[in-house]
PDB file of N, CA and C in Angstrom:
ATOM      1  N   MET A   1       0.841  -1.171   0.000  1.00  0.00           N
ATOM      2  CA  MET A   1       0.000   0.000   0.000  1.00  0.00           C
ATOM      3  C   MET A   1       0.887   1.235   0.000  1.00  0.00           C
ATOM      4  N   LYS A   2       0.674   2.114  -0.944  1.00  0.00           N
ATOM      5  CA  LYS A   2       1.431   3.353  -1.003  1.00  0.00           C
ATOM      6  C   LYS A   2       0.762   4.383  -0.102  1.00  0.00           C
ATOM      7  N   LEU A   3       1.537   4.961   0.809  1.00  0.00           N
ATOM      8  CA  LEU A   3       1.000   5.947   1.744  1.00  0.00           C
ATOM      9  C   LEU A   3       1.540   7.324   1.397  1.00  0.00           C
ATOM     10  N   THR A   4       0.698   8.315   1.558  1.00  0.00           N
ATOM     11  CA  THR A   4       1.126   9.697   1.386  1.00  0.00           C
ATOM     12  C   THR A   4       1.149  10.342   2.757  1.00  0.00           C
ATOM     13  N   SER A   5       1.451  11.623   2.811  1.00  0.00           N
ATOM     14  CA  SER A   5       1.526  12.307   4.101  1.00  0.00           C
ATOM     15  C   SER A   5       0.162  12.393   4.779  1.00  0.00           C
ATOM     16  N   ASN A   6      -0.929  12.220   4.026  1.00  0.00           N
ATOM     17  CA  ASN A   6      -2.265  12.310   4.606  1.00  0.00           C
ATOM     18  C   ASN A   6      -2.959  10.967   4.723  1.00  0.00           C
ATOM     19  N   THR A   7      -2.242   9.850   4.526  1.00  0.00           N
ATOM     20  CA  THR A   7      -2.833   8.530   4.696  1.00  0.00           C
ATOM     21  C   THR A   7      -1.939   7.671   5.581  1.00  0.00           C
ATOM     22  N   LEU A   8      -2.570   6.851   6.407  1.00  0.00           N
ATOM     23  CA  LEU A   8      -1.882   5.905   7.280  1.00  0.00           C
ATOM     24  C   LEU A   8      -2.648   4.591   7.243  1.00  0.00           C
ATOM     25  N   PRO A   9      -2.008   3.468   7.570  1.00  0.00           N
ATOM     26  CA  PRO A   9      -2.727   2.191   7.561  1.00  0.00           C
ATOM     27  C   PRO A   9      -3.689   2.078   8.739  1.00  0.00           C
ATOM     28  N   ALA A  10      -4.896   1.573   8.486  1.00  0.00           N
ATOM     29  CA  ALA A  10      -5.902   1.353   9.524  1.00  0.00           C
ATOM     30  C   ALA A  10      -6.033  -0.145   9.782  1.00  0.00           C
ATOM     31  N   CYS A  11      -6.277  -0.511  11.040  1.00  0.00           N
ATOM     32  CA  CYS A  11      -6.466  -1.905  11.441  1.00  0.00           C
ATOM     33  C   CYS A  11      -7.748  -2.009  12.249  1.00  0.00           C
ATOM     34  N   GLY A  12      -8.365  -3.186  12.235  1.00  0.00           N
ATOM     35  CA  GLY A  12      -9.571  -3.408  13.012  1.00  0.00           C
ATOM     36  C   GLY A  12      -9.693  -4.854  13.427  1.00  0.00           C
ATOM     37  N   SER A  13     -10.383  -5.093  14.550  1.00  0.00           N
ATOM     38  CA  SER A  13     -10.561  -6.451  15.059  1.00  0.00           C
ATOM     39  C   SER A  13     -11.649  -6.471  16.112  1.00  0.00           C
ATOM     40  N   SER A  14     -12.220  -7.655  16.329  1.00  0.00           N
ATOM     41  CA  SER A  14     -13.188  -7.799  17.418  1.00  0.00           C
ATOM     42  C   SER A  14     -12.476  -8.045  18.752  1.00  0.00           C
ATOM     43  N   THR A  15     -11.176  -8.339  18.692  1.00  0.00           N
ATOM     44  CA  THR A  15     -10.331  -8.413  19.888  1.00  0.00           C
ATOM     45  C   THR A  15      -9.127  -7.512  19.657  1.00  0.00           C
ATOM     46  N   ARG A  16      -8.460  -7.142  20.703  1.00  0.00           N
ATOM     47  CA  ARG A  16      -7.290  -6.274  20.545  1.00  0.00           C
ATOM     48  C   ARG A  16      -6.043  -7.050  20.143  1.00  0.00           C
ATOM     49  N   LEU A  17      -6.100  -8.356  20.196  1.00  0.00           N
ATOM     50  CA  LEU A  17      -4.897  -9.165  19.983  1.00  0.00           C
ATOM     51  C   LEU A  17      -4.535  -9.379  18.526  1.00  0.00           C
ATOM     52  N   PHE A  18      -5.516  -9.504  17.643  1.00  0.00           N
ATOM     53  CA  PHE A  18      -5.236  -9.877  16.260  1.00  0.00           C
ATOM     54  C   PHE A  18      -5.897  -8.927  15.263  1.00  0.00           C
ATOM     55  N   PRO A  19      -5.441  -7.688  15.182  1.00  0.00           N
ATOM     56  CA  PRO A  19      -6.046  -6.759  14.217  1.00  0.00           C
ATOM     57  C   PRO A  19      -5.673  -7.116  12.788  1.00  0.00           C
ATOM     58  N   SER A  20      -6.583  -6.863  11.867  1.00  0.00           N
ATOM     59  CA  SER A  20      -6.298  -7.081  10.456  1.00  0.00           C
ATOM     60  C   SER A  20      -6.285  -5.738   9.728  1.00  0.00           C
ATOM     61  N   ASP A  21      -5.533  -5.689   8.652  1.00  0.00           N
ATOM     62  CA  ASP A  21      -5.436  -4.445   7.882  1.00  0.00           C
ATOM     63  C   ASP A  21      -6.749  -4.156   7.171  1.00  0.00           C
ATOM     64  N   LEU A  22      -7.174  -2.901   7.241  1.00  0.00           N
ATOM     65  CA  LEU A  22      -8.396  -2.464   6.575  1.00  0.00           C
ATOM     66  C   LEU A  22      -8.095  -1.641   5.333  1.00  0.00           C
ATOM     67  N   GLY A  23      -6.846  -1.240   5.175  1.00  0.00           N
ATOM     68  CA  GLY A  23      -6.475  -0.384   4.058  1.00  0.00           C
ATOM     69  C   GLY A  23      -6.104   0.995   4.563  1.00  0.00           C
ATOM     70  N   PRO A  24      -6.058   1.957   3.675  1.00  0.00           N
ATOM     71  CA  PRO A  24      -5.621   3.290   4.079  1.00  0.00           C
ATOM     72  C   PRO A  24      -6.700   4.069   4.831  1.00  0.00           C
ATOM     73  N   ALA A  25      -6.235   4.841   5.807  1.00  0.00           N
ATOM     74  CA  ALA A  25      -7.083   5.814   6.493  1.00  0.00           C
ATOM     75  C   ALA A  25      -6.641   7.188   6.002  1.00  0.00           C
ATOM     76  N   VAL A  26      -7.573   7.978   5.536  1.00  0.00           N
ATOM     77  CA  VAL A  26      -7.263   9.282   4.943  1.00  0.00           C
ATOM     78  C   VAL A  26      -7.549  10.373   5.956  1.00  0.00           C
ATOM     79  N   GLU A  27      -6.579  11.244   6.163  1.00  0.00           N
ATOM     80  CA  GLU A  27      -6.748  12.361   7.089  1.00  0.00           C
ATOM     81  C   GLU A  27      -7.646  13.410   6.449  1.00  0.00           C
ATOM     82  N   THR A  28      -8.789  13.690   7.095  1.00  0.00           N
ATOM     83  CA  THR A  28      -9.738  14.665   6.559  1.00  0.00           C
ATOM     84  C   THR A  28     -10.280  15.556   7.662  1.00  0.00           C
ATOM     85  N   PRO A  29     -10.271  16.823   7.540  1.00  0.00           N
ATOM     86  CA  PRO A  29      -9.520  17.569   6.537  1.00  0.00           C
ATOM     87  C   PRO A  29      -8.023  17.434   6.807  1.00  0.00           C
ATOM     88  N   ALA A  30      -7.224  17.704   5.806  1.00  0.00           N
ATOM     89  CA  ALA A  30      -5.775  17.520   5.904  1.00  0.00           C
ATOM     90  C   ALA A  30      -5.204  18.299   7.089  1.00  0.00           C
ATOM     91  N   SER A  31      -4.279  17.667   7.786  1.00  0.00           N
ATOM     92  CA  SER A  31      -3.542  18.265   8.912  1.00  0.00           C
ATOM     93  C   SER A  31      -4.403  18.568  10.125  1.00  0.00           C
ATOM     94  N   ARG A  32      -5.539  17.899  10.271  1.00  0.00           N
ATOM     95  CA  ARG A  32      -6.392  18.119  11.440  1.00  0.00           C
ATOM     96  C   ARG A  32      -6.360  16.950  12.424  1.00  0.00           C
ATOM     97  N   GLY A  33      -5.730  15.820  12.054  1.00  0.00           N
ATOM     98  CA  GLY A  33      -5.607  14.687  12.957  1.00  0.00           C
ATOM     99  C   GLY A  33      -6.814  13.768  13.012  1.00  0.00           C
ATOM    100  N   GLN A  34      -7.783  13.928  12.133  1.00  0.00           N
ATOM    101  CA  GLN A  34      -8.939  13.044  12.060  1.00  0.00           C
ATOM    102  C   GLN A  34      -8.830  12.201  10.799  1.00  0.00           C
ATOM    103  N   PHE A  35      -9.069  10.881  10.943  1.00  0.00           N
ATOM    104  CA  PHE A  35      -8.900   9.968   9.822  1.00  0.00           C
ATOM    105  C   PHE A  35     -10.198   9.243   9.517  1.00  0.00           C
ATOM    106  N   GLN A  36     -10.455   8.988   8.239  1.00  0.00           N
ATOM    107  CA  GLN A  36     -11.628   8.232   7.803  1.00  0.00           C
ATOM    108  C   GLN A  36     -11.176   6.987   7.073  1.00  0.00           C
ATOM    109  N   PHE A  37     -11.872   5.870   7.330  1.00  0.00           N
ATOM    110  CA  PHE A  37     -11.578   4.607   6.668  1.00  0.00           C
ATOM    111  C   PHE A  37     -12.843   3.785   6.646  1.00  0.00           C
ATOM    112  N   THR A  38     -12.836   2.703   5.878  1.00  0.00           N
ATOM    113  CA  THR A  38     -13.992   1.820   5.770  1.00  0.00           C
ATOM    114  C   THR A  38     -13.729   0.549   6.553  1.00  0.00           C
ATOM    115  N   GLY A  39     -14.658   0.192   7.451  1.00  0.00           N
ATOM    116  CA  GLY A  39     -14.576  -1.047   8.214  1.00  0.00           C
ATOM    117  C   GLY A  39     -15.652  -2.003   7.739  1.00  0.00           C
ATOM    118  N   PRO A  40     -15.327  -2.938   6.817  1.00  0.00           N
ATOM    119  CA  PRO A  40     -16.352  -3.793   6.222  1.00  0.00           C
ATOM    120  C   PRO A  40     -17.075  -4.707   7.214  1.00  0.00           C
ATOM    121  N   GLN A  41     -16.480  -5.010   8.360  1.00  0.00           N
ATOM    122  CA  GLN A  41     -17.119  -5.869   9.353  1.00  0.00           C
ATOM    123  C   GLN A  41     -17.859  -5.081  10.437  1.00  0.00           C
ATOM    124  N   ALA A  42     -17.930  -3.788  10.320  1.00  0.00           N
ATOM    125  CA  ALA A  42     -18.520  -2.946  11.368  1.00  0.00           C
ATOM    126  C   ALA A  42     -19.972  -3.306  11.672  1.00  0.00           C
ATOM    127  N   THR A  43     -20.759  -3.647  10.686  1.00  0.00           N
ATOM    128  CA  THR A  43     -22.175  -3.944  10.922  1.00  0.00           C
ATOM    129  C   THR A  43     -22.407  -5.382  11.388  1.00  0.00           C
ATOM    130  N   ASN A  44     -21.379  -6.241  11.317  1.00  0.00           N
ATOM    131  CA  ASN A  44     -21.540  -7.647  11.690  1.00  0.00           C
ATOM    132  C   ASN A  44     -21.134  -7.964  13.121  1.00  0.00           C
ATOM    133  N   ASN A  45     -20.560  -7.012  13.835  1.00  0.00           N
ATOM    134  CA  ASN A  45     -20.060  -7.252  15.184  1.00  0.00           C
ATOM    135  C   ASN A  45     -20.633  -6.240  16.164  1.00  0.00           C
ATOM    136  N   VAL A  46     -20.853  -6.700  17.391  1.00  0.00           N
ATOM    137  CA  VAL A  46     -21.367  -5.808  18.425  1.00  0.00           C
ATOM    138  C   VAL A  46     -20.308  -4.781  18.820  1.00  0.00           C
ATOM    139  N   MET A  47     -19.050  -5.223  18.895  1.00  0.00           N
ATOM    140  CA  MET A  47     -17.973  -4.327  19.292  1.00  0.00           C
ATOM    141  C   MET A  47     -16.746  -4.577  18.410  1.00  0.00           C
ATOM    142  N   ARG A  48     -16.113  -3.499  17.969  1.00  0.00           N
ATOM    143  CA  ARG A  48     -14.879  -3.587  17.181  1.00  0.00           C
ATOM    144  C   ARG A  48     -13.871  -2.609  17.746  1.00  0.00           C
ATOM    145  N   TYR A  49     -12.606  -2.954  17.624  1.00  0.00           N
ATOM    146  CA  TYR A  49     -11.504  -2.060  17.990  1.00  0.00           C
ATOM    147  C   TYR A  49     -10.825  -1.610  16.703  1.00  0.00           C
ATOM    148  N   TYR A  50     -10.530  -0.326  16.620  1.00  0.00           N
ATOM    149  CA  TYR A  50      -9.878   0.230  15.444  1.00  0.00           C
ATOM    150  C   TYR A  50      -8.673   1.042  15.871  1.00  0.00           C
ATOM    151  N   ARG A  51      -7.685   1.073  14.988  1.00  0.00           N
ATOM    152  CA  ARG A  51      -6.542   1.970  15.217  1.00  0.00           C
ATOM    153  C   ARG A  51      -5.918   2.346  13.888  1.00  0.00           C
ATOM    154  N   VAL A  52      -5.306   3.504  13.898  1.00  0.00           N
ATOM    155  CA  VAL A  52      -4.549   3.983  12.746  1.00  0.00           C
ATOM    156  C   VAL A  52      -3.093   3.965  13.174  1.00  0.00           C
ATOM    157  N   ARG A  53      -2.253   3.271  12.411  1.00  0.00           N
ATOM    158  CA  ARG A  53      -0.839   3.146  12.769  1.00  0.00           C
ATOM    159  C   ARG A  53      -0.025   4.251  12.133  1.00  0.00           C
ATOM    160  N   SER A  54       0.873   4.793  12.922  1.00  0.00           N
ATOM    161  CA  SER A  54       1.786   5.819  12.437  1.00  0.00           C
ATOM    162  C   SER A  54       3.187   5.224  12.368  1.00  0.00           C
ATOM    163  N   PRO A  55       3.917   5.505  11.301  1.00  0.00           N
ATOM    164  CA  PRO A  55       5.261   4.921  11.175  1.00  0.00           C
ATOM    165  C   PRO A  55       6.212   5.402  12.245  1.00  0.00           C
TER     166      PRO A  55
END
């Protein structure tokens, strides 16, 4: 995955132990510290943990 200064990798899981990659999280608006990403399993689970990794 190619990352730019406004994208970072996002991970998600129903447990904190084994997160899987969700793809890029895009900082919106730029330089504000808020990121948007798509979590395809979000509607199938009661609780999910998400994080955006910074290099």
